[in-house]
C-alpha atoms as a PDB file:
ATOM      1  CA  UNK A   1     102.212 -86.455  -8.670  1.00  0.00           C
ATOM      2  CA  UNK A   2      98.828 -86.595  -9.675  1.00  0.00           C
ATOM      3  CA  UNK A   3      96.734 -84.335 -11.974  1.00  0.00           C
ATOM      4  CA  UNK A   4      94.129 -82.120 -10.881  1.00  0.00           C
ATOM      5  CA  UNK A   5      90.716 -83.763 -12.081  1.00  0.00           C
ATOM      6  CA  UNK A   6      89.579 -82.075 -15.217  1.00  0.00           C
ATOM      7  CA  UNK A   7      87.234 -78.610 -14.384  1.00  0.00           C
ATOM      8  CA  UNK A   8      83.963 -78.389 -16.459  1.00  0.00           C
ATOM      9  CA  UNK A   9      83.774 -75.489 -18.750  1.00  0.00           C
ATOM     10  CA  UNK A  10      81.236 -72.993 -17.475  1.00  0.00           C
ATOM     11  CA  UNK A  11      78.653 -71.653 -19.801  1.00  0.00           C
ATOM     12  CA  UNK A  12      79.346 -67.641 -20.629  1.00  0.00           C
ATOM     13  CA  UNK A  13      77.031 -65.857 -18.415  1.00  0.00           C
ATOM     14  CA  UNK A  14      74.015 -64.571 -20.628  1.00  0.00           C
ATOM     15  CA  UNK A  15      73.430 -60.942 -21.218  1.00  0.00           C
ATOM     16  CA  UNK A  16      71.271 -59.113 -18.635  1.00  0.00           C
ATOM     17  CA  UNK A  17      70.096 -58.109 -22.295  1.00  0.00           C
ATOM     18  CA  UNK A  18      69.059 -61.583 -23.423  1.00  0.00           C
ATOM     19  CA  UNK A  19      68.175 -63.021 -20.151  1.00  0.00           C
ATOM     20  CA  UNK A  20      64.587 -64.518 -20.110  1.00  0.00           C
ATOM     21  CA  UNK A  21      61.357 -63.466 -17.424  1.00  0.00           C
ATOM     22  CA  UNK A  22      59.966 -66.820 -16.987  1.00  0.00           C
ATOM     23  CA  UNK A  23      56.713 -66.525 -16.032  1.00  0.00           C
ATOM     24  CA  UNK A  24      55.103 -67.612 -12.871  1.00  0.00           C
ATOM     25  CA  UNK A  25      52.257 -70.225 -12.127  1.00  0.00           C
ATOM     26  CA  UNK A  26      48.998 -68.191 -12.556  1.00  0.00           C
ATOM     27  CA  UNK A  27      50.590 -64.721 -13.375  1.00  0.00           C
ATOM     28  CA  UNK A  28      48.963 -64.557 -16.828  1.00  0.00           C
ATOM     29  CA  UNK A  29      45.567 -65.349 -15.041  1.00  0.00           C
ATOM     30  CA  UNK A  30      46.021 -62.596 -12.832  1.00  0.00           C
ATOM     31  CA  UNK A  31      46.611 -60.323 -15.361  1.00  0.00           C
ATOM     32  CA  UNK A  32      43.451 -61.356 -17.555  1.00  0.00           C
ATOM     33  CA  UNK A  33      41.666 -60.998 -14.089  1.00  0.00           C
ATOM     34  CA  UNK A  34      43.177 -57.215 -13.648  1.00  0.00           C
ATOM     35  CA  UNK A  35      42.259 -56.362 -17.209  1.00  0.00           C
ATOM     36  CA  UNK A  36      38.663 -57.540 -16.866  1.00  0.00           C
ATOM     37  CA  UNK A  37      37.951 -55.654 -13.555  1.00  0.00           C
ATOM     38  CA  UNK A  38      39.249 -52.764 -15.061  1.00  0.00           C
ATOM     39  CA  UNK A  39      36.799 -53.115 -17.724  1.00  0.00           C
ATOM     40  CA  UNK A  40      34.200 -53.669 -15.942  1.00  0.00           C
ATOM     41  CA  UNK A  41      34.906 -50.877 -13.771  1.00  0.00           C
ATOM     42  CA  UNK A  42      35.332 -48.763 -16.821  1.00  0.00           C
ATOM     43  CA  UNK A  43      31.481 -50.029 -18.126  1.00  0.00           C
ATOM     44  CA  UNK A  44      30.150 -49.520 -14.744  1.00  0.00           C
ATOM     45  CA  UNK A  45      30.848 -45.906 -14.582  1.00  0.00           C
ATOM     46  CA  UNK A  46      29.846 -45.424 -17.906  1.00  0.00           C
ATOM     47  CA  UNK A  47      26.794 -47.146 -17.719  1.00  0.00           C
ATOM     48  CA  UNK A  48      25.808 -44.871 -14.597  1.00  0.00           C
ATOM     49  CA  UNK A  49      26.973 -41.592 -16.367  1.00  0.00           C
ATOM     50  CA  UNK A  50      24.770 -42.518 -19.318  1.00  0.00           C
ATOM     51  CA  UNK A  51      21.484 -42.844 -16.534  1.00  0.00           C
ATOM     52  CA  UNK A  52      22.143 -40.169 -15.028  1.00  0.00           C
ATOM     53  CA  UNK A  53      22.900 -37.739 -18.306  1.00  0.00           C
ATOM     54  CA  UNK A  54      19.198 -39.520 -19.598  1.00  0.00           C
ATOM     55  CA  UNK A  55      17.776 -38.525 -16.227  1.00  0.00           C
ATOM     56  CA  UNK A  56      18.928 -34.607 -16.353  1.00  0.00           C
ATOM     57  CA  UNK A  57      18.157 -34.492 -20.294  1.00  0.00           C
ATOM     58  CA  UNK A  58      14.196 -36.066 -18.985  1.00  0.00           C
ATOM     59  CA  UNK A  59      13.960 -34.367 -15.456  1.00  0.00           C
ATOM     60  CA  UNK A  60      12.385 -30.772 -15.840  1.00  0.00           C
ATOM     61  CA  UNK A  61      11.489 -30.316 -12.312  1.00  0.00           C
ATOM     62  CA  UNK A  62      11.753 -26.235 -11.030  1.00  0.00           C
ATOM     63  CA  UNK A  63      11.323 -24.603  -8.136  1.00  0.00           C
ATOM     64  CA  UNK A  64       8.033 -23.382  -7.893  1.00  0.00           C
ATOM     65  CA  UNK A  65       5.855 -21.355  -5.074  1.00  0.00           C
ATOM     66  CA  UNK A  66       3.071 -23.259  -2.836  1.00  0.00           C
ATOM     67  CA  UNK A  67       1.296 -22.187  -0.102  1.00  0.00           C
ATOM     68  CA  UNK A  68       3.265 -22.470   3.251  1.00  0.00           C
ATOM     69  CA  UNK A  69      -0.447 -22.204   5.023  1.00  0.00           C
ATOM     70  CA  UNK A  70      -4.213 -21.896   4.466  1.00  0.00           C
ATOM     71  CA  UNK A  71      -4.717 -18.104   2.948  1.00  0.00           C
ATOM     72  CA  UNK A  72      -7.769 -17.001   3.439  1.00  0.00           C
ATOM     73  CA  UNK A  73      -9.977 -14.691   0.962  1.00  0.00           C
ATOM     74  CA  UNK A  74      -9.017 -11.040   1.139  1.00  0.00           C
ATOM     75  CA  UNK A  75      -5.855 -11.790   2.780  1.00  0.00           C
ATOM     76  CA  UNK A  76      -2.759  -9.633   1.330  1.00  0.00           C
ATOM     77  CA  UNK A  77       0.098 -12.282   0.401  1.00  0.00           C
ATOM     78  CA  UNK A  78       3.630 -11.670   2.163  1.00  0.00           C
ATOM     79  CA  UNK A  79       7.055 -13.816   1.655  1.00  0.00           C
ATOM     80  CA  UNK A  80       6.322 -15.617   4.890  1.00  0.00           C
ATOM     81  CA  UNK A  81       2.714 -17.171   3.307  1.00  0.00           C
ATOM     82  CA  UNK A  82       5.085 -19.066   0.562  1.00  0.00           C
ATOM     83  CA  UNK A  83       7.415 -21.860   0.411  1.00  0.00           C
ATOM     84  CA  UNK A  84       9.710 -23.280  -2.426  1.00  0.00           C
ATOM     85  CA  UNK A  85       8.851 -26.562  -3.841  1.00  0.00           C
ATOM     86  CA  UNK A  86      10.381 -28.556  -6.302  1.00  0.00           C
ATOM     87  CA  UNK A  87       7.998 -30.214  -9.312  1.00  0.00           C
ATOM     88  CA  UNK A  88       7.559 -30.788 -12.757  1.00  0.00           C
ATOM     89  CA  UNK A  89       3.947 -29.421 -13.851  1.00  0.00           C
ATOM     90  CA  UNK A  90       3.842 -30.119 -17.384  1.00  0.00           C
ATOM     91  CA  UNK A  91       1.897 -27.424 -19.235  1.00  0.00           C
ATOM     92  CA  UNK A  92       0.396 -26.440 -16.004  1.00  0.00           C
ATOM     93  CA  UNK A  93       0.778 -22.475 -14.941  1.00  0.00           C
ATOM     94  CA  UNK A  94       2.697 -21.713 -11.446  1.00  0.00           C
ATOM     95  CA  UNK A  95       5.122 -19.187 -10.433  1.00  0.00           C
ATOM     96  CA  UNK A  96       8.576 -19.662  -9.720  1.00  0.00           C
ATOM     97  CA  UNK A  97      10.591 -18.054  -7.056  1.00  0.00           C
ATOM     98  CA  UNK A  98      11.604 -15.863  -9.566  1.00  0.00           C
ATOM     99  CA  UNK A  99       7.799 -14.836 -10.419  1.00  0.00           C
ATOM    100  CA  UNK A 100       7.303 -14.045  -6.999  1.00  0.00           C
ATOM    101  CA  UNK A 101       6.850 -10.150  -7.359  1.00  0.00           C
ATOM    102  CA  UNK A 102       3.519 -10.945  -8.960  1.00  0.00           C
ATOM    103  CA  UNK A 103       1.651 -11.834  -6.107  1.00  0.00           C
ATOM    104  CA  UNK A 104       3.480 -10.235  -3.051  1.00  0.00           C
ATOM    105  CA  UNK A 105       1.414  -7.726  -1.522  1.00  0.00           C
ATOM    106  CA  UNK A 106      -1.869  -8.796  -3.186  1.00  0.00           C
ATOM    107  CA  UNK A 107      -4.920  -9.926  -1.992  1.00  0.00           C
ATOM    108  CA  UNK A 108      -6.198 -13.578  -2.002  1.00  0.00           C
ATOM    109  CA  UNK A 109      -9.337 -14.027  -4.443  1.00  0.00           C
ATOM    110  CA  UNK A 110     -10.488 -17.172  -2.530  1.00  0.00           C
ATOM    111  CA  UNK A 111      -9.343 -19.623   0.318  1.00  0.00           C
ATOM    112  CA  UNK A 112      -5.842 -21.231  -0.489  1.00  0.00           C
ATOM    113  CA  UNK A 113      -5.125 -24.481   0.983  1.00  0.00           C
ATOM    114  CA  UNK A 114      -1.664 -25.184   1.953  1.00  0.00           C
ATOM    115  CA  UNK A 115       0.603 -26.515  -0.352  1.00  0.00           C
ATOM    116  CA  UNK A 116      -1.329 -25.422  -3.363  1.00  0.00           C
ATOM    117  CA  UNK A 117       1.256 -24.537  -6.145  1.00  0.00           C
ATOM    118  CA  UNK A 118       0.867 -20.574  -7.245  1.00  0.00           C
ATOM    119  CA  UNK A 119      -0.833 -18.758  -9.945  1.00  0.00           C
ATOM    120  CA  UNK A 120      -1.078 -15.591 -10.720  1.00  0.00           C
ATOM    121  CA  UNK A 121      -4.864 -15.473 -10.995  1.00  0.00           C
ATOM    122  CA  UNK A 122      -5.358 -16.884  -7.306  1.00  0.00           C
ATOM    123  CA  UNK A 123      -4.476 -13.127  -5.957  1.00  0.00           C
ATOM    124  CA  UNK A 124      -5.492  -9.612  -7.355  1.00  0.00           C
ATOM    125  CA  UNK A 125      -4.520  -6.349  -6.479  1.00  0.00           C
ATOM    126  CA  UNK A 126      -6.632  -4.549  -3.533  1.00  0.00           C
ATOM    127  CA  UNK A 127      -8.823  -2.249  -4.809  1.00  0.00           C
ATOM    128  CA  UNK A 128      -8.742   1.104  -3.313  1.00  0.00           C
ATOM    129  CA  UNK A 129      -4.896   0.919  -2.918  1.00  0.00           C
ATOM    130  CA  UNK A 130      -3.600   3.056  -5.456  1.00  0.00           C
ATOM    131  CA  UNK A 131      -3.786   6.734  -6.100  1.00  0.00           C
ATOM    132  CA  UNK A 132      -6.290   6.513  -9.370  1.00  0.00           C
ATOM    133  CA  UNK A 133      -9.130   5.173  -7.090  1.00  0.00           C
ATOM    134  CA  UNK A 134      -8.717   7.639  -4.626  1.00  0.00           C
ATOM    135  CA  UNK A 135     -12.722   8.874  -5.595  1.00  0.00           C
ATOM    136  CA  UNK A 136     -13.857   5.031  -5.884  1.00  0.00           C
ATOM    137  CA  UNK A 137     -15.749   3.103  -3.396  1.00  0.00           C
ATOM    138  CA  UNK A 138     -15.589  -0.395  -3.270  1.00  0.00           C
ATOM    139  CA  UNK A 139     -19.245  -2.501  -3.545  1.00  0.00           C
ATOM    140  CA  UNK A 140     -20.328  -6.004  -3.063  1.00  0.00           C
ATOM    141  CA  UNK A 141     -23.612  -7.099  -4.713  1.00  0.00           C
ATOM    142  CA  UNK A 142     -25.108 -10.430  -4.896  1.00  0.00           C
ATOM    143  CA  UNK A 143     -26.288 -12.149  -8.302  1.00  0.00           C
ATOM    144  CA  UNK A 144     -27.733 -15.756  -8.489  1.00  0.00           C
ATOM    145  CA  UNK A 145     -25.287 -17.392 -10.492  1.00  0.00           C
ATOM    146  CA  UNK A 146     -27.308 -20.491 -11.257  1.00  0.00           C
ATOM    147  CA  UNK A 147     -29.714 -18.553 -12.661  1.00  0.00           C
ATOM    148  CA  UNK A 148     -27.217 -17.365 -15.437  1.00  0.00           C
ATOM    149  CA  UNK A 149     -26.790 -19.819 -18.615  1.00  0.00           C
ATOM    150  CA  UNK A 150     -24.426 -23.037 -17.652  1.00  0.00           C
ATOM    151  CA  UNK A 151     -25.033 -21.768 -13.779  1.00  0.00           C
ATOM    152  CA  UNK A 152     -22.080 -19.413 -13.731  1.00  0.00           C
ATOM    153  CA  UNK A 153     -21.097 -16.006 -13.818  1.00  0.00           C
ATOM    154  CA  UNK A 154     -17.686 -14.349 -14.584  1.00  0.00           C
ATOM    155  CA  UNK A 155     -15.407 -11.767 -14.396  1.00  0.00           C
ATOM    156  CA  UNK A 156     -15.679  -9.169 -17.367  1.00  0.00           C
ATOM    157  CA  UNK A 157     -19.427 -10.994 -18.373  1.00  0.00           C
ATOM    158  CA  UNK A 158     -21.914  -8.130 -19.272  1.00  0.00           C
ATOM    159  CA  UNK A 159     -25.377  -9.308 -18.034  1.00  0.00           C
ATOM    160  CA  UNK A 160     -28.447  -8.180 -19.288  1.00  0.00           C
ATOM    161  CA  UNK A 161     -31.275  -8.091 -15.769  1.00  0.00           C
ATOM    162  CA  UNK A 162     -34.619  -9.106 -16.744  1.00  0.00           C
ATOM    163  CA  UNK A 163     -37.572  -9.530 -14.766  1.00  0.00           C
ATOM    164  CA  UNK A 164     -41.783  -8.644 -14.052  1.00  0.00           C
ATOM    165  CA  UNK A 165     -41.638  -5.740 -11.788  1.00  0.00           C
ATOM    166  CA  UNK A 166     -44.876  -5.503  -9.624  1.00  0.00           C
ATOM    167  CA  UNK A 167     -47.158  -2.565 -10.274  1.00  0.00           C
ATOM    168  CA  UNK A 168     -50.271  -0.242  -9.431  1.00  0.00           C
ATOM    169  CA  UNK A 169     -52.205  -1.050  -5.657  1.00  0.00           C
ATOM    170  CA  UNK A 170     -52.604  -4.845  -6.425  1.00  0.00           C
ATOM    171  CA  UNK A 171     -49.013  -5.787  -7.048  1.00  0.00           C
ATOM    172  CA  UNK A 172     -49.862  -7.405 -10.173  1.00  0.00           C
ATOM    173  CA  UNK A 173     -46.449  -8.184 -12.240  1.00  0.00           C
ATOM    174  CA  UNK A 174     -46.012  -6.417 -15.114  1.00  0.00           C
ATOM    175  CA  UNK A 175     -44.831  -7.148 -18.531  1.00  0.00           C
ATOM    176  CA  UNK A 176     -41.389  -9.058 -18.954  1.00  0.00           C
ATOM    177  CA  UNK A 177     -38.835  -5.747 -18.962  1.00  0.00           C
ATOM    178  CA  UNK A 178     -35.121  -4.789 -18.871  1.00  0.00           C
ATOM    179  CA  UNK A 179     -34.306  -3.776 -14.863  1.00  0.00           C
ATOM    180  CA  UNK A 180     -30.383  -3.362 -16.035  1.00  0.00           C
ATOM    181  CA  UNK A 181     -27.047  -4.335 -17.927  1.00  0.00           C
ATOM    182  CA  UNK A 182     -24.425  -4.888 -15.866  1.00  0.00           C
ATOM    183  CA  UNK A 183     -20.844  -5.298 -16.587  1.00  0.00           C
ATOM    184  CA  UNK A 184     -19.056  -7.888 -14.070  1.00  0.00           C
ATOM    185  CA  UNK A 185     -15.772  -6.237 -13.029  1.00  0.00           C
ATOM    186  CA  UNK A 186     -14.955  -8.805 -10.264  1.00  0.00           C
ATOM    187  CA  UNK A 187     -16.676 -12.321  -9.452  1.00  0.00           C
ATOM    188  CA  UNK A 188     -16.299 -14.545  -6.692  1.00  0.00           C
ATOM    189  CA  UNK A 189     -19.160 -17.436  -6.532  1.00  0.00           C
ATOM    190  CA  UNK A 190     -22.351 -14.962  -6.293  1.00  0.00           C
ATOM    191  CA  UNK A 191     -20.847 -12.010  -5.207  1.00  0.00           C
ATOM    192  CA  UNK A 192     -19.782  -9.228  -7.117  1.00  0.00           C
ATOM    193  CA  UNK A 193     -17.544  -6.729  -6.780  1.00  0.00           C
ATOM    194  CA  UNK A 194     -17.006  -3.284  -8.039  1.00  0.00           C
ATOM    195  CA  UNK A 195     -14.725  -0.513  -7.779  1.00  0.00           C
ATOM    196  CA  UNK A 196     -16.842   2.635  -8.847  1.00  0.00           C
ATOM    197  CA  UNK A 197     -17.519   6.424  -8.477  1.00  0.00           C
ATOM    198  CA  UNK A 198     -20.298   6.550  -5.415  1.00  0.00           C
ATOM    199  CA  UNK A 199     -23.231   7.436  -8.250  1.00  0.00           C
ATOM    200  CA  UNK A 200     -22.320   4.393 -10.283  1.00  0.00           C
ATOM    201  CA  UNK A 201     -22.134   2.221  -6.811  1.00  0.00           C
ATOM    202  CA  UNK A 202     -25.953   3.376  -5.896  1.00  0.00           C
ATOM    203  CA  UNK A 203     -26.985   2.410  -9.571  1.00  0.00           C
ATOM    204  CA  UNK A 204     -25.816  -1.107  -9.613  1.00  0.00           C
ATOM    205  CA  UNK A 205     -27.214  -1.659  -6.437  1.00  0.00           C
ATOM    206  CA  UNK A 206     -30.383  -0.233  -7.292  1.00  0.00           C
ATOM    207  CA  UNK A 207     -30.671  -2.358 -10.582  1.00  0.00           C
ATOM    208  CA  UNK A 208     -29.676  -5.528  -8.743  1.00  0.00           C
ATOM    209  CA  UNK A 209     -32.108  -4.628  -5.771  1.00  0.00           C
ATOM    210  CA  UNK A 210     -34.915  -4.537  -8.395  1.00  0.00           C
ATOM    211  CA  UNK A 211     -34.026  -7.425 -10.163  1.00  0.00           C
ATOM    212  CA  UNK A 212     -33.992  -9.314  -6.865  1.00  0.00           C
ATOM    213  CA  UNK A 213     -37.311  -8.311  -6.123  1.00  0.00           C
ATOM    214  CA  UNK A 214     -38.771  -8.996  -9.346  1.00  0.00           C
ATOM    215  CA  UNK A 215     -40.656 -12.035 -10.827  1.00  0.00           C
ATOM    216  CA  UNK A 216     -39.892 -14.101 -13.517  1.00  0.00           C
ATOM    217  CA  UNK A 217     -36.464 -13.409 -13.041  1.00  0.00           C
ATOM    218  CA  UNK A 218     -33.905 -14.167 -16.096  1.00  0.00           C
ATOM    219  CA  UNK A 219     -30.515 -13.755 -16.539  1.00  0.00           C
ATOM    220  CA  UNK A 220     -28.577 -12.775 -20.102  1.00  0.00           C
ATOM    221  CA  UNK A 221     -25.212 -12.982 -20.906  1.00  0.00           C
ATOM    222  CA  UNK A 222     -25.093 -10.584 -23.564  1.00  0.00           C
ATOM    223  CA  UNK A 223     -22.227 -10.546 -26.715  1.00  0.00           C
ATOM    224  CA  UNK A 224     -19.437  -7.674 -26.974  1.00  0.00           C
ATOM    225  CA  UNK A 225     -21.465  -5.945 -30.031  1.00  0.00           C
ATOM    226  CA  UNK A 226     -25.532  -6.303 -28.304  1.00  0.00           C
ATOM    227  CA  UNK A 227     -26.535  -3.159 -26.915  1.00  0.00           C
ATOM    228  CA  UNK A 228     -29.285  -2.849 -23.819  1.00  0.00           C
ATOM    229  CA  UNK A 229     -31.015  -0.811 -26.300  1.00  0.00           C
ATOM    230  CA  UNK A 230     -31.296  -3.640 -28.403  1.00  0.00           C
ATOM    231  CA  UNK A 231     -32.363  -5.727 -25.598  1.00  0.00           C
ATOM    232  CA  UNK A 232     -35.039  -3.128 -24.786  1.00  0.00           C
ATOM    233  CA  UNK A 233     -36.429  -2.912 -28.104  1.00  0.00           C
ATOM    234  CA  UNK A 234     -37.163  -7.025 -28.835  1.00  0.00           C
ATOM    235  CA  UNK A 235     -39.018  -6.873 -25.097  1.00  0.00           C
ATOM    236  CA  UNK A 236     -40.845  -4.045 -26.739  1.00  0.00           C
ATOM    237  CA  UNK A 237     -41.670  -6.017 -29.837  1.00  0.00           C
ATOM    238  CA  UNK A 238     -42.725  -9.219 -27.655  1.00  0.00           C
ATOM    239  CA  UNK A 239     -44.785  -6.881 -25.780  1.00  0.00           C
ATOM    240  CA  UNK A 240     -46.923  -5.495 -28.447  1.00  0.00           C
ATOM    241  CA  UNK A 241     -47.536  -8.631 -30.268  1.00  0.00           C
ATOM    242  CA  UNK A 242     -48.744 -10.436 -27.123  1.00  0.00           C
ATOM    243  CA  UNK A 243     -52.856  -9.384 -26.957  1.00  0.00           C
ATOM    244  CA  UNK A 244     -54.096  -7.501 -24.172  1.00  0.00           C
ATOM    245  CA  UNK A 245     -56.031  -9.511 -21.686  1.00  0.00           C
ATOM    246  CA  UNK A 246     -59.575 -10.139 -21.241  1.00  0.00           C
ATOM    247  CA  UNK A 247     -61.280  -7.509 -19.043  1.00  0.00           C
ATOM    248  CA  UNK A 248     -64.340  -8.612 -16.806  1.00  0.00           C
ATOM    249  CA  UNK A 249     -66.351  -6.793 -19.657  1.00  0.00           C
ATOM    250  CA  UNK A 250     -64.861  -8.443 -22.906  1.00  0.00           C
ATOM    251  CA  UNK A 251     -65.555 -11.669 -20.665  1.00  0.00           C
ATOM    252  CA  UNK A 252     -69.316 -11.457 -20.468  1.00  0.00           C
ATOM    253  CA  UNK A 253     -69.352 -10.058 -24.459  1.00  0.00           C
ATOM    254  CA  UNK A 254     -67.595 -13.445 -24.942  1.00  0.00           C
ATOM    255  CA  UNK A 255     -70.218 -15.476 -23.077  1.00  0.00           C
ATOM    256  CA  UNK A 256     -73.304 -13.512 -24.666  1.00  0.00           C
ATOM    257  CA  UNK A 257     -72.064 -14.383 -28.280  1.00  0.00           C
ATOM    258  CA  UNK A 258     -71.331 -18.397 -27.362  1.00  0.00           C
ATOM    259  CA  UNK A 259     -75.230 -18.404 -26.805  1.00  0.00           C
ATOM    260  CA  UNK A 260     -75.087 -17.800 -22.863  1.00  0.00           C
ATOM    261  CA  UNK A 261     -78.048 -15.400 -22.047  1.00  0.00           C
ATOM    262  CA  UNK A 262     -79.110 -13.649 -18.779  1.00  0.00           C
ATOM    263  CA  UNK A 263     -81.997 -14.794 -17.073  1.00  0.00           C
ATOM    264  CA  UNK A 264     -83.406 -11.606 -17.128  1.00  0.00           C
ATOM    265  CA  UNK A 265     -83.468 -11.342 -20.856  1.00  0.00           C
ATOM    266  CA  UNK A 266     -85.720 -14.357 -21.167  1.00  0.00           C
END
């Protein structure tokens, strides 16, 4: 009887906890690439958020009112006349949407092209629209702004109107005199508007008409402490200091004194 071949002794199985995991080829590279990809995504999103944050801190745009159409002078503004635009106006003045009540129901002081950012100064409360103006009238007169200092007249200016008015049958212009003093209530170019009593309206019109018909017209802008009496006194002093004009008789005496003798006396 033959003996069976000797059996090789098997090594005892390694415990589960002691088994080693063998890294497959390229596994470490894949892990490294995954880590780099995640890091790259984090950097991209971080940079994007930082850029957005900077833009939000720098962007000062807000919603402002703009003319939706061309608004003509004296038209009363309604909500349909405006549109909303986003803009950064910096230090410039413009009305936001929340401030639209400042111009709604008011009239345009001049022609406003479409797209113009709206400011409060572009509109004015229509005259004769309040109970306090029930006994007033609206009057429009015209003064040549080009004859004023710097060629401009502005709302609130106080001006003295000077001129030489014609007098006597010959219509010769007299001395330079004060025709009137006006405080300009509302100015649009050469046009001056007033909301006054009927008597005041007639006085204003009379002064402007006299000034328009006078010669050597002059418009002076007055300081707030300067009165009409002071202007009149200065004109009176100037007139008193000018020697009277030579008459025919004084001219003839002057000729005799200079040695010119008439023929009948020779």
